[in-house]
Protein backbone atom coordinates (compact mmCIF):
# COMPACT_ATOMS: atom_id res chain seq x y z
CA MET A 1 182.89 13.00 130.27
CA PRO A 2 184.44 14.71 127.22
CA ARG A 3 188.17 14.52 126.73
CA LYS A 4 190.17 17.67 127.24
CA SER A 5 191.70 18.99 124.04
CA PRO A 6 195.53 18.91 124.03
CA PHE A 7 195.44 22.09 121.88
CA LYS A 8 193.43 24.14 124.38
CA HIS A 9 196.09 26.51 125.72
CA HIS A 10 198.07 27.04 122.52
CA ARG A 11 198.25 30.34 120.69
CA PHE A 12 197.88 28.79 117.24
CA ALA A 13 194.99 26.83 115.82
CA ARG A 14 194.92 23.05 115.88
CA GLN A 15 195.24 22.82 112.08
CA ILE A 16 198.42 24.91 112.02
CA ILE A 17 200.07 22.86 114.76
CA LEU A 18 199.15 19.56 113.13
CA CYS A 19 200.30 20.74 109.71
CA ALA A 20 203.70 21.85 111.05
CA VAL A 21 204.25 18.62 112.98
CA ARG A 22 203.20 16.46 110.02
CA TRP A 23 205.58 18.31 107.70
CA TYR A 24 208.45 17.79 110.09
CA LEU A 25 207.70 14.11 110.66
CA ARG A 26 206.83 13.21 107.07
CA TYR A 27 209.48 15.05 105.07
CA PRO A 28 213.22 15.53 105.67
CA LEU A 29 212.83 19.13 106.84
CA SER A 30 214.59 21.04 109.57
CA TYR A 31 212.67 23.12 112.09
CA GLN A 32 213.74 26.23 110.19
CA ASP A 33 212.39 24.74 106.95
CA VAL A 34 209.00 24.25 108.60
CA VAL A 35 209.10 27.83 109.89
CA ASP A 36 209.88 29.08 106.38
CA LEU A 37 206.98 27.10 104.91
CA LEU A 38 204.62 28.55 107.50
CA GLU A 39 205.94 32.08 106.88
CA GLU A 40 205.18 31.66 103.17
CA ARG A 41 201.59 31.13 104.25
CA GLY A 42 201.56 34.22 106.49
CA ILE A 43 202.08 32.46 109.84
CA ASN A 44 204.96 33.70 112.00
CA VAL A 45 206.26 30.98 114.31
CA ASP A 46 209.61 30.55 116.02
CA ARG A 47 211.50 27.32 115.37
CA SER A 48 211.67 26.56 119.10
CA THR A 49 207.86 26.58 119.07
CA VAL A 50 207.83 24.05 116.24
CA TYR A 51 210.34 21.97 118.22
CA ARG A 52 208.05 21.99 121.28
CA TRP A 53 205.06 21.01 119.11
CA VAL A 54 206.99 18.08 117.65
CA ILE A 55 208.06 16.92 121.12
CA LYS A 56 204.51 17.20 122.49
CA PHE A 57 202.35 16.03 119.57
CA GLY A 58 204.79 13.95 117.50
CA PRO A 59 204.46 10.69 119.45
CA GLN A 60 200.65 10.92 119.38
CA ILE A 61 200.56 11.54 115.63
CA THR A 62 203.07 8.76 114.97
CA LYS A 63 201.07 6.34 117.10
CA ARG A 64 197.81 7.13 115.30
CA THR A 65 199.26 6.98 111.80
CA GLU A 66 201.15 3.72 112.34
CA LYS A 67 197.83 1.98 112.87
CA ARG A 68 196.64 3.09 109.45
CA LEU A 69 199.83 2.45 107.51
CA ARG A 70 199.94 -0.66 105.44
CA ARG A 71 203.06 -2.58 106.22
CA ALA A 72 205.19 -3.54 103.29
CA SER A 73 206.08 -7.18 103.17
CA VAL A 74 209.71 -8.16 103.57
CA ASP A 75 209.19 -11.00 101.11
CA TRP A 76 208.65 -10.34 97.48
CA HIS A 77 208.08 -12.60 94.54
CA VAL A 78 209.48 -12.38 91.06
CA PRO A 79 207.58 -14.57 88.64
CA SER A 80 209.79 -17.01 86.86
CA ARG A 81 209.38 -17.21 83.12
CA GLN A 82 211.17 -19.43 80.76
CA ILE A 83 212.79 -17.66 77.89
CA THR A 84 212.81 -19.60 74.66
CA LEU A 85 215.11 -18.66 71.87
């Protein structure tokens, strides 16, 4: 049985919603900043709509991207070299 799309009853396309949520989660932007970026591209969205998208889709996107992120090691190594004068 096919899975039901979580984007089915939304006014905007899946790509627009994902782009707005990714911008908010990835960069230090406010909801109004995301709205302004979308308006520059000809898409009129209210910031409360972006807020609702982040609340609904943010945890799913975070969960999926954390699996693919390469964890940085806490330990690091500085090679020791002897300096001769």
